[in-house]
N, C-alpha and C. Protein backbone atom coordinates (compact mmCIF):
# COMPACT_ATOMS: atom_id res chain seq x y z
N MET A 1 15.96 2.67 28.56
CA MET A 1 15.79 2.12 27.47
C MET A 1 16.16 3.01 26.28
N THR A 2 16.65 2.38 25.37
CA THR A 2 17.09 3.43 24.19
C THR A 2 15.86 3.85 23.13
N ARG A 3 15.85 4.96 22.71
CA ARG A 3 14.78 5.43 21.89
C ARG A 3 14.62 4.47 20.42
N SER A 4 15.60 3.65 20.27
CA SER A 4 15.31 3.01 19.07
C SER A 4 14.61 1.44 19.68
N LYS A 5 14.75 1.28 20.86
CA LYS A 5 14.10 -0.31 21.49
C LYS A 5 12.90 0.09 21.98
N THR A 6 12.61 1.42 22.24
CA THR A 6 11.30 2.03 22.47
C THR A 6 10.32 2.00 21.00
N LYS A 7 10.97 2.71 20.04
CA LYS A 7 10.20 2.62 18.51
C LYS A 7 9.94 0.97 18.30
N ALA A 8 11.17 0.31 18.28
CA ALA A 8 10.94 -1.20 17.90
C ALA A 8 9.82 -1.60 18.85
N MET A 9 9.46 -1.43 20.09
CA MET A 9 8.30 -2.21 20.97
C MET A 9 6.80 -1.48 20.42
N VAL A 10 6.97 -0.39 20.17
CA VAL A 10 6.18 0.46 19.76
C VAL A 10 5.38 0.13 18.41
N ILE A 11 6.12 0.03 17.44
CA ILE A 11 6.00 -0.64 15.95
C ILE A 11 5.60 -2.44 16.26
N ALA A 12 6.43 -2.77 16.99
CA ALA A 12 5.64 -4.53 17.24
C ALA A 12 4.25 -4.38 18.13
N SER A 13 3.87 -3.64 18.98
CA SER A 13 2.50 -3.45 19.42
C SER A 13 1.59 -3.03 18.29
N LEU A 14 1.97 -2.04 17.40
CA LEU A 14 0.90 -1.89 16.61
C LEU A 14 0.69 -2.87 15.25
N ILE A 15 1.68 -3.69 15.11
CA ILE A 15 1.28 -4.68 14.50
C ILE A 15 0.60 -5.91 14.85
N ALA A 16 0.89 -6.20 16.23
CA ALA A 16 0.08 -6.99 16.82
C ALA A 16 -1.51 -6.91 17.13
N ALA A 17 -1.82 -5.56 17.46
CA ALA A 17 -2.74 -4.78 17.57
C ALA A 17 -3.91 -5.01 16.21
N PHE A 18 -3.10 -4.40 14.78
CA PHE A 18 -3.60 -4.50 13.69
C PHE A 18 -4.04 -6.10 13.01
N TYR A 19 -3.14 -6.93 13.41
CA TYR A 19 -3.42 -8.05 13.23
C TYR A 19 -4.47 -8.60 13.99
N THR A 20 -4.82 -8.50 15.37
CA THR A 20 -5.71 -8.95 16.29
C THR A 20 -7.06 -8.42 15.79
N ALA A 21 -6.97 -7.27 15.47
CA ALA A 21 -8.25 -6.31 15.14
C ALA A 21 -8.68 -7.05 13.77
N LEU A 22 -7.72 -7.18 12.73
CA LEU A 22 -8.53 -7.84 11.58
C LEU A 22 -8.82 -8.99 11.57
N THR A 23 -8.29 -9.63 12.46
CA THR A 23 -8.48 -11.30 12.33
C THR A 23 -9.79 -11.22 13.07
N LEU A 24 -10.03 -10.50 14.03
CA LEU A 24 -11.19 -10.48 15.08
C LEU A 24 -12.74 -10.06 14.33
N ALA A 25 -12.16 -8.76 13.63
CA ALA A 25 -13.16 -8.14 12.64
C ALA A 25 -13.68 -9.07 11.55
N LEU A 26 -12.63 -10.03 11.17
CA LEU A 26 -13.22 -10.89 10.10
C LEU A 26 -13.04 -12.41 10.42
N ALA A 27 -13.60 -12.36 11.70
CA ALA A 27 -13.90 -13.69 12.41
C ALA A 27 -14.30 -14.99 11.70
N PRO A 28 -15.61 -14.52 11.16
CA PRO A 28 -16.16 -15.65 10.30
C PRO A 28 -15.36 -16.45 9.04
N ILE A 29 -14.05 -15.59 8.58
CA ILE A 29 -13.39 -16.36 7.83
C ILE A 29 -11.96 -16.17 8.15
N SER A 30 -11.59 -15.91 9.24
CA SER A 30 -10.41 -16.10 9.99
C SER A 30 -10.21 -17.72 11.03
N TYR A 31 -11.20 -18.16 11.09
CA TYR A 31 -10.81 -19.27 11.95
C TYR A 31 -11.65 -20.51 11.22
N GLY A 32 -11.47 -21.74 11.43
CA GLY A 32 -12.34 -22.61 10.90
C GLY A 32 -11.27 -23.73 9.77
N PRO A 33 -12.33 -24.57 9.33
CA PRO A 33 -11.68 -25.71 8.57
C PRO A 33 -11.20 -25.01 7.09
N VAL A 34 -12.37 -23.80 6.93
CA VAL A 34 -11.99 -23.20 5.60
C VAL A 34 -11.81 -21.57 6.13
N GLN A 35 -10.41 -21.47 5.65
CA GLN A 35 -9.99 -20.23 6.24
C GLN A 35 -9.34 -18.95 5.50
N MET A 36 -9.75 -17.88 5.56
CA MET A 36 -8.69 -16.88 4.70
C MET A 36 -8.24 -15.62 5.72
N ARG A 37 -7.15 -15.56 6.20
CA ARG A 37 -7.03 -14.59 7.32
C ARG A 37 -6.43 -13.63 6.74
N LEU A 38 -6.91 -12.71 6.75
CA LEU A 38 -6.35 -11.47 5.41
C LEU A 38 -5.39 -10.81 6.44
N SER A 39 -5.35 -10.78 7.77
CA SER A 39 -4.24 -10.40 8.48
C SER A 39 -3.09 -11.22 8.25
N GLU A 40 -3.03 -12.04 7.42
CA GLU A 40 -1.47 -12.80 7.04
C GLU A 40 -0.84 -12.07 6.30
N ALA A 41 -1.41 -10.97 5.89
CA ALA A 41 -0.94 -10.24 4.70
C ALA A 41 0.66 -9.31 5.64
N LEU A 42 0.24 -9.47 6.83
CA LEU A 42 1.00 -8.45 7.71
C LEU A 42 2.42 -9.65 7.99
N THR A 43 2.22 -10.89 7.67
CA THR A 43 3.66 -11.68 7.62
C THR A 43 4.34 -11.48 6.99
N ILE A 44 4.45 -10.38 5.99
CA ILE A 44 5.67 -9.86 5.29
C ILE A 44 6.53 -9.00 5.90
N LEU A 45 5.97 -8.71 6.97
CA LEU A 45 6.65 -7.55 7.35
C LEU A 45 7.79 -7.89 8.38
N PRO A 46 7.97 -9.18 8.77
CA PRO A 46 9.66 -9.71 8.92
C PRO A 46 10.79 -9.70 7.80
N ALA A 47 10.13 -9.63 6.58
CA ALA A 47 11.04 -9.32 5.50
C ALA A 47 11.71 -8.19 6.14
N TYR A 48 11.03 -7.15 6.30
CA TYR A 48 11.83 -5.39 6.67
C TYR A 48 12.42 -5.69 8.27
N SER A 49 12.21 -6.37 8.97
CA SER A 49 12.70 -6.32 10.30
C SER A 49 12.36 -7.60 11.31
N PRO A 50 13.45 -7.51 12.00
CA PRO A 50 12.71 -8.67 13.67
C PRO A 50 11.57 -8.15 14.07
N THR A 51 11.57 -6.81 14.12
CA THR A 51 10.28 -6.01 14.62
C THR A 51 8.89 -6.75 14.38
N GLY A 52 9.26 -7.25 13.07
CA GLY A 52 7.94 -7.76 12.62
C GLY A 52 7.39 -9.23 12.91
N ILE A 53 8.53 -10.14 13.18
CA ILE A 53 8.47 -10.89 13.93
C ILE A 53 8.02 -11.07 15.07
N VAL A 54 8.33 -9.99 16.19
CA VAL A 54 7.51 -10.12 17.16
C VAL A 54 6.08 -9.67 17.10
N GLY A 55 6.24 -8.77 16.14
CA GLY A 55 4.72 -7.87 16.06
C GLY A 55 3.57 -9.22 15.46
N VAL A 56 3.97 -9.71 14.55
CA VAL A 56 3.07 -10.95 14.16
C VAL A 56 2.75 -12.14 14.90
N THR A 57 3.73 -12.38 15.63
CA THR A 57 3.49 -13.37 16.65
C THR A 57 3.12 -13.40 17.82
N LEU A 58 3.07 -11.78 18.07
CA LEU A 58 2.14 -11.40 19.53
C LEU A 58 0.89 -11.42 18.89
N GLY A 59 0.46 -10.59 17.69
CA GLY A 59 -0.80 -10.64 17.12
C GLY A 59 -1.41 -12.05 16.53
N CYS A 60 -0.96 -12.59 16.02
CA CYS A 60 -1.16 -14.44 16.18
C CYS A 60 -1.78 -14.65 17.52
N ALA A 61 -0.88 -14.53 18.52
CA ALA A 61 -1.21 -15.24 20.01
C ALA A 61 -2.61 -14.45 20.84
N VAL A 62 -2.71 -13.05 20.42
CA VAL A 62 -3.68 -12.55 21.24
C VAL A 62 -5.12 -12.77 20.28
N ALA A 63 -5.00 -13.17 19.20
CA ALA A 63 -5.92 -13.36 18.15
C ALA A 63 -6.54 -14.88 18.23
N ASN A 64 -5.72 -15.55 18.55
CA ASN A 64 -6.13 -16.96 18.82
C ASN A 64 -6.83 -17.31 20.14
N LEU A 65 -6.15 -16.42 21.00
CA LEU A 65 -6.57 -16.25 22.62
C LEU A 65 -8.12 -15.86 22.61
N VAL A 66 -8.40 -14.80 21.88
CA VAL A 66 -9.58 -14.29 22.16
C VAL A 66 -10.58 -14.68 21.11
N GLY A 67 -9.91 -15.02 20.29
CA GLY A 67 -10.88 -16.14 19.24
C GLY A 67 -11.53 -17.33 20.16
N PHE A 68 -10.51 -18.02 20.73
CA PHE A 68 -10.83 -18.88 21.66
C PHE A 68 -11.68 -18.77 22.72
N LEU A 69 -11.62 -17.77 23.16
CA LEU A 69 -12.42 -17.15 24.78
C LEU A 69 -13.88 -16.69 23.79
N THR A 70 -14.09 -16.26 22.73
CA THR A 70 -15.13 -15.61 22.43
C THR A 70 -16.09 -16.90 21.46
N GLY A 71 -15.62 -17.91 21.63
CA GLY A 71 -15.88 -19.12 20.72
C GLY A 71 -15.82 -19.13 19.10
N ALA A 72 -15.00 -18.25 18.71
CA ALA A 72 -14.81 -18.02 16.99
C ALA A 72 -13.66 -18.94 16.84
N ASN A 73 -12.95 -19.59 17.56
CA ASN A 73 -11.77 -20.13 17.30
C ASN A 73 -11.83 -21.54 17.59
N ILE A 74 -12.43 -22.60 16.90
CA ILE A 74 -13.01 -23.76 17.53
C ILE A 74 -11.41 -24.40 17.64
N LEU A 75 -10.35 -24.16 17.02
CA LEU A 75 -8.84 -25.12 17.40
C LEU A 75 -8.80 -24.71 18.71
N GLY A 76 -9.06 -23.57 19.72
CA GLY A 76 -8.81 -23.90 20.88
C GLY A 76 -7.51 -23.58 21.73
N ALA A 77 -6.84 -24.27 22.63
CA ALA A 77 -5.96 -24.05 22.88
C ALA A 77 -4.82 -24.71 21.94
N LEU A 78 -5.01 -25.58 21.45
CA LEU A 78 -4.27 -26.13 20.43
C LEU A 78 -3.66 -25.11 19.34
N ASP A 79 -4.66 -24.27 19.04
CA ASP A 79 -4.62 -23.32 17.96
C ASP A 79 -3.35 -21.67 18.66
N ILE A 80 -3.95 -21.81 20.13
CA ILE A 80 -3.06 -20.52 20.74
C ILE A 80 -1.43 -21.05 20.95
N LEU A 81 -1.11 -22.39 21.15
CA LEU A 81 0.16 -22.92 21.35
C LEU A 81 0.58 -22.91 20.03
N PHE A 82 0.38 -23.86 19.12
CA PHE A 82 0.84 -24.36 18.20
C PHE A 82 0.77 -23.45 16.80
N GLY A 83 -0.58 -22.89 16.82
CA GLY A 83 -0.84 -21.86 15.88
C GLY A 83 0.31 -20.63 16.02
N THR A 84 0.53 -19.89 17.18
CA THR A 84 0.94 -19.40 17.53
C THR A 84 2.78 -19.53 17.11
N LEU A 85 3.16 -21.02 17.37
CA LEU A 85 4.31 -21.25 17.11
C LEU A 85 4.59 -21.40 15.87
N ALA A 86 3.69 -21.65 15.11
CA ALA A 86 3.87 -21.85 13.66
C ALA A 86 4.08 -20.37 12.90
N THR A 87 3.30 -19.27 13.66
CA THR A 87 3.70 -18.27 12.94
C THR A 87 5.06 -17.79 13.18
N LEU A 88 5.68 -18.02 14.84
CA LEU A 88 6.77 -17.76 14.88
C LEU A 88 7.94 -18.05 14.17
N VAL A 89 7.66 -19.51 13.78
CA VAL A 89 8.89 -20.32 13.03
C VAL A 89 8.61 -19.41 11.49
N ALA A 90 7.72 -19.11 11.04
CA ALA A 90 7.39 -18.72 9.65
C ALA A 90 7.71 -17.80 9.55
N ALA A 91 7.68 -16.34 10.61
CA ALA A 91 8.16 -15.05 10.71
C ALA A 91 9.56 -15.42 10.69
N MET A 92 10.19 -16.04 11.15
CA MET A 92 11.93 -16.28 11.39
C MET A 92 12.02 -16.60 10.01
N LEU A 93 11.41 -17.59 9.59
CA LEU A 93 11.91 -17.90 8.25
C LEU A 93 12.03 -16.78 7.16
N SER A 94 10.84 -16.31 7.12
CA SER A 94 10.44 -15.07 5.92
C SER A 94 11.73 -13.99 6.32
N TRP A 95 11.81 -13.84 7.59
CA TRP A 95 12.97 -12.89 7.81
C TRP A 95 14.81 -13.43 7.29
N LEU A 96 14.70 -14.76 6.90
CA LEU A 96 15.60 -15.43 6.54
C LEU A 96 16.00 -15.26 5.19
N LEU A 97 14.50 -15.46 4.36
CA LEU A 97 14.31 -15.31 3.01
C LEU A 97 14.09 -14.21 2.48
N ARG A 98 14.51 -13.04 3.40
CA ARG A 98 14.26 -11.76 2.85
C ARG A 98 14.99 -11.13 1.76
N ARG A 99 16.09 -11.53 1.60
CA ARG A 99 17.11 -11.02 0.61
C ARG A 99 16.48 -11.78 -0.88
N VAL A 100 15.90 -12.39 -1.14
CA VAL A 100 15.72 -13.38 -2.32
C VAL A 100 14.68 -12.59 -3.02
N ARG A 101 15.15 -11.62 -3.91
CA ARG A 101 14.27 -10.64 -4.91
C ARG A 101 13.99 -11.11 -6.38
N PHE A 102 12.77 -10.60 -6.49
CA PHE A 102 12.71 -10.26 -7.98
C PHE A 102 11.73 -9.01 -8.00
N ARG A 103 12.60 -8.32 -8.69
CA ARG A 103 12.23 -7.12 -9.16
C ARG A 103 11.77 -6.10 -7.75
N GLY A 104 12.54 -6.45 -6.79
CA GLY A 104 12.33 -5.74 -5.64
C GLY A 104 12.01 -6.28 -4.83
N LEU A 105 11.07 -7.13 -4.76
CA LEU A 105 10.27 -7.62 -4.04
C LEU A 105 10.57 -9.28 -3.59
N PRO A 106 10.50 -9.21 -1.95
CA PRO A 106 11.03 -10.41 -1.54
C PRO A 106 9.99 -11.64 -1.77
N ILE A 107 10.28 -12.53 -3.08
CA ILE A 107 9.11 -13.33 -3.38
C ILE A 107 9.11 -14.38 -2.30
N LEU A 108 9.99 -15.08 -1.87
CA LEU A 108 10.25 -15.91 -1.02
C LEU A 108 9.56 -15.81 0.42
N ALA A 109 9.82 -14.74 0.77
CA ALA A 109 9.62 -14.18 2.11
C ALA A 109 7.83 -14.88 2.60
N PRO A 110 6.70 -14.71 1.52
CA PRO A 110 5.41 -15.00 2.13
C PRO A 110 5.25 -16.86 2.04
N LEU A 111 6.46 -17.43 1.43
CA LEU A 111 6.39 -19.06 1.27
C LEU A 111 6.36 -19.25 2.64
N PRO A 112 6.98 -19.36 3.77
CA PRO A 112 7.05 -19.96 5.25
C PRO A 112 5.89 -19.88 5.47
N PRO A 113 4.96 -18.57 5.78
CA PRO A 113 3.75 -18.44 6.40
C PRO A 113 2.57 -19.64 5.73
N VAL A 114 2.52 -19.67 4.42
CA VAL A 114 1.66 -20.35 3.29
C VAL A 114 2.01 -22.22 4.16
N LEU A 115 3.14 -22.31 3.79
CA LEU A 115 3.40 -23.70 3.91
C LEU A 115 3.55 -24.18 5.65
N ILE A 116 4.11 -23.32 6.35
CA ILE A 116 3.75 -23.84 7.81
C ILE A 116 2.79 -24.03 8.26
N ASN A 117 1.80 -22.90 7.81
CA ASN A 117 0.60 -22.86 8.45
C ASN A 117 -0.53 -23.76 7.90
N ALA A 118 0.07 -24.21 6.42
CA ALA A 118 -0.84 -25.72 5.78
C ALA A 118 -0.70 -26.78 6.46
N ALA A 119 0.72 -27.13 6.96
CA ALA A 119 1.00 -28.21 7.93
C ALA A 119 0.54 -28.09 9.21
N VAL A 120 0.77 -27.01 10.05
CA VAL A 120 0.32 -26.91 11.46
C VAL A 120 -1.39 -26.71 11.57
N ILE A 121 -1.79 -25.97 10.76
CA ILE A 121 -3.16 -25.71 11.26
C ILE A 121 -4.15 -26.70 10.78
N GLY A 122 -3.49 -27.58 9.46
CA GLY A 122 -4.04 -28.69 8.83
C GLY A 122 -3.98 -29.79 9.77
N ALA A 123 -2.94 -29.96 10.24
CA ALA A 123 -3.05 -31.02 11.66
C ALA A 123 -3.51 -30.74 12.74
N GLU A 124 -3.77 -29.56 13.23
CA GLU A 124 -4.85 -29.00 14.30
C GLU A 124 -6.17 -29.46 13.96
N LEU A 125 -6.42 -29.22 12.65
CA LEU A 125 -7.72 -29.59 12.11
C LEU A 125 -8.14 -30.87 12.28
N TYR A 126 -6.90 -31.47 11.79
CA TYR A 126 -7.25 -33.30 11.68
C TYR A 126 -7.72 -33.81 13.26
N VAL A 127 -6.82 -33.19 13.99
CA VAL A 127 -7.15 -33.75 15.56
C VAL A 127 -8.18 -33.03 16.15
N VAL A 128 -8.76 -32.05 16.04
CA VAL A 128 -9.84 -31.35 16.21
C VAL A 128 -11.12 -32.23 15.66
N MET A 129 -10.84 -32.74 14.24
CA MET A 129 -11.94 -33.29 13.87
C MET A 129 -12.02 -35.01 14.15
N GLY A 130 -10.96 -35.16 14.66
CA GLY A 130 -11.25 -36.90 14.96
C GLY A 130 -11.03 -37.82 14.01
N ALA A 131 -10.23 -37.44 12.95
CA ALA A 131 -10.40 -38.13 11.67
C ALA A 131 -9.51 -39.67 11.89
N GLY A 132 -9.32 -40.00 13.04
CA GLY A 132 -8.40 -40.96 13.53
C GLY A 132 -7.08 -41.26 12.65
N LYS A 133 -6.88 -42.26 11.83
CA LYS A 133 -5.64 -42.68 10.80
C LYS A 133 -6.50 -42.29 9.30
N ASN A 134 -6.99 -41.64 9.13
CA ASN A 134 -7.40 -41.14 7.75
C ASN A 134 -6.83 -40.15 7.27
N LEU A 135 -5.20 -40.29 6.87
CA LEU A 135 -4.24 -39.07 6.59
C LEU A 135 -5.13 -37.91 5.42
N ALA A 136 -6.35 -38.68 4.63
CA ALA A 136 -6.97 -37.69 3.27
C ALA A 136 -7.42 -36.68 4.05
N VAL A 137 -7.87 -36.81 4.87
CA VAL A 137 -8.71 -35.55 6.10
C VAL A 137 -7.19 -34.75 6.26
N PHE A 138 -6.19 -34.98 6.71
CA PHE A 138 -5.28 -34.29 7.01
C PHE A 138 -4.58 -33.37 5.53
N TRP A 139 -4.62 -34.18 4.67
CA TRP A 139 -4.20 -33.34 3.60
C TRP A 139 -4.94 -32.51 2.85
N THR A 140 -6.40 -32.88 2.94
CA THR A 140 -7.35 -32.00 2.89
C THR A 140 -7.43 -31.00 3.18
N GLN A 141 -7.11 -30.35 4.63
CA GLN A 141 -7.42 -29.71 5.45
C GLN A 141 -5.90 -28.86 5.55
N ALA A 142 -5.06 -29.50 5.01
CA ALA A 142 -4.02 -28.27 5.01
C ALA A 142 -3.56 -28.12 3.44
N LEU A 143 -4.26 -28.71 2.83
CA LEU A 143 -4.64 -27.82 1.09
C LEU A 143 -5.35 -26.80 1.18
N LEU A 144 -6.68 -26.91 1.85
CA LEU A 144 -7.19 -25.69 2.19
C LEU A 144 -6.74 -24.84 2.99
N VAL A 145 -6.20 -24.76 4.23
CA VAL A 145 -5.39 -23.86 4.82
C VAL A 145 -4.44 -23.21 3.73
N GLY A 146 -3.62 -23.73 3.53
CA GLY A 146 -2.29 -23.26 2.41
C GLY A 146 -3.31 -22.63 1.12
N LEU A 147 -4.21 -23.01 0.65
CA LEU A 147 -5.02 -21.97 -0.65
C LEU A 147 -5.28 -20.70 0.29
N GLY A 148 -5.92 -20.92 1.26
CA GLY A 148 -6.28 -19.92 2.08
C GLY A 148 -5.27 -18.99 2.34
N GLN A 149 -4.50 -19.17 2.67
CA GLN A 149 -2.83 -18.23 2.81
C GLN A 149 -2.37 -17.78 2.02
N LEU A 150 -2.59 -18.50 0.62
CA LEU A 150 -1.84 -17.66 -0.76
C LEU A 150 -2.52 -16.49 -1.07
N VAL A 151 -3.69 -15.90 -0.82
CA VAL A 151 -3.96 -14.90 -1.33
C VAL A 151 -3.51 -13.72 -0.42
N PRO A 152 -3.44 -13.84 1.20
CA PRO A 152 -2.90 -12.67 2.18
C PRO A 152 -1.67 -12.70 2.11
N CYS A 153 -0.97 -13.94 1.88
CA CYS A 153 0.55 -13.99 2.06
C CYS A 153 1.09 -13.12 0.54
N TYR A 154 0.87 -13.82 -0.58
CA TYR A 154 1.61 -13.41 -1.54
C TYR A 154 0.57 -12.30 -2.10
N LEU A 155 -0.62 -12.17 -2.78
CA LEU A 155 -1.27 -11.05 -3.18
C LEU A 155 -1.17 -9.94 -1.96
N LEU A 156 -1.71 -9.80 -0.96
CA LEU A 156 -1.79 -8.85 -0.28
C LEU A 156 -0.53 -8.35 0.28
N GLY A 157 0.25 -9.84 0.76
CA GLY A 157 1.66 -9.12 1.47
C GLY A 157 2.78 -8.71 0.71
N LEU A 158 2.53 -8.89 -0.62
CA LEU A 158 3.74 -8.24 -1.38
C LEU A 158 3.36 -7.02 -2.01
N LEU A 159 1.96 -6.90 -1.93
CA LEU A 159 1.27 -5.58 -2.43
C LEU A 159 1.63 -4.58 -1.14
N LEU A 160 1.27 -4.96 -0.05
CA LEU A 160 1.95 -4.49 1.12
C LEU A 160 3.33 -4.07 1.57
N PHE A 161 4.28 -4.93 0.91
CA PHE A 161 5.76 -4.52 1.14
C PHE A 161 6.06 -3.61 -0.04
N TYR A 162 5.49 -3.84 -1.66
CA TYR A 162 5.53 -2.79 -2.39
C TYR A 162 5.17 -1.25 -1.92
N THR A 163 3.68 -1.41 -1.18
CA THR A 163 2.93 -0.10 -1.13
C THR A 163 4.27 0.62 -0.13
N LEU A 164 4.34 -0.11 0.90
CA LEU A 164 4.97 0.38 2.07
C LEU A 164 6.64 0.89 1.48
N SER A 165 7.26 0.04 0.85
CA SER A 165 8.92 0.54 0.15
C SER A 165 8.42 1.83 -1.08
N ARG A 166 7.42 1.76 -1.74
CA ARG A 166 7.53 2.60 -2.41
C ARG A 166 6.98 4.43 -2.05
N THR A 167 6.66 4.23 -1.04
CA THR A 167 6.17 5.18 -0.21
C THR A 167 7.16 6.08 0.83
N GLY A 168 7.94 4.67 1.21
CA GLY A 168 8.98 5.68 1.92
C GLY A 168 8.73 5.13 3.64
N LEU A 169 7.61 4.53 3.96
CA LEU A 169 7.10 4.22 5.14
C LEU A 169 8.06 3.07 5.79
N ASP A 170 8.12 2.33 4.77
CA ASP A 170 9.07 1.01 5.45
C ASP A 170 10.46 1.71 6.42
N LYS A 171 11.06 2.82 5.68
CA LYS A 171 12.07 3.44 6.33
C LYS A 171 11.95 4.01 7.42
N LYS A 172 10.54 4.74 7.85
CA LYS A 172 9.97 5.34 8.57
C LYS A 172 9.59 4.48 10.03
N LEU A 173 9.21 3.19 9.50
CA LEU A 173 8.78 2.25 10.61
C LEU A 173 9.87 1.55 11.28
N PHE A 174 10.54 1.10 10.16
CA PHE A 174 11.64 -0.28 10.48
C PHE A 174 13.22 0.21 10.84
N ASP A 175 13.27 1.63 10.12
CA ASP A 175 15.04 2.02 10.23
C ASP A 175 15.06 2.97 11.73
């Protein structure tokens, strides 16, 4: 294995560990119908490198699994599968949008995690709540999840991106 592949694996593992630890440490606000997963700020990292895609996806999978096993994640197996897939797709789209910039910030990169998680987690909550054909429940849940994603993804995520870029840590981590 080359040095660069080893470094990428280590960085992805660190991102996953940090995502998982932050999600579980803040479990009361990380899971449920009204949630604000502060660890979602890390979804900006795919704008630097595909290593970020691996890291946030793995972190989400582990956080959802451990959350389910500890009883914190009410969405259970649905979230382990579909929540993780939503994170993977959102991270890949963030990577594709990384070059759309305003004042050096990838302003569209945080959008996929907001929109995709709103739809997917909103649908998971709709199913778990047994709302039947009441689509108002889906739209309400999707809106609440989307709003809960805005602060971590846009405010904290772009602040993280700015800080990493300004300090040169982005080059040390992702080059």
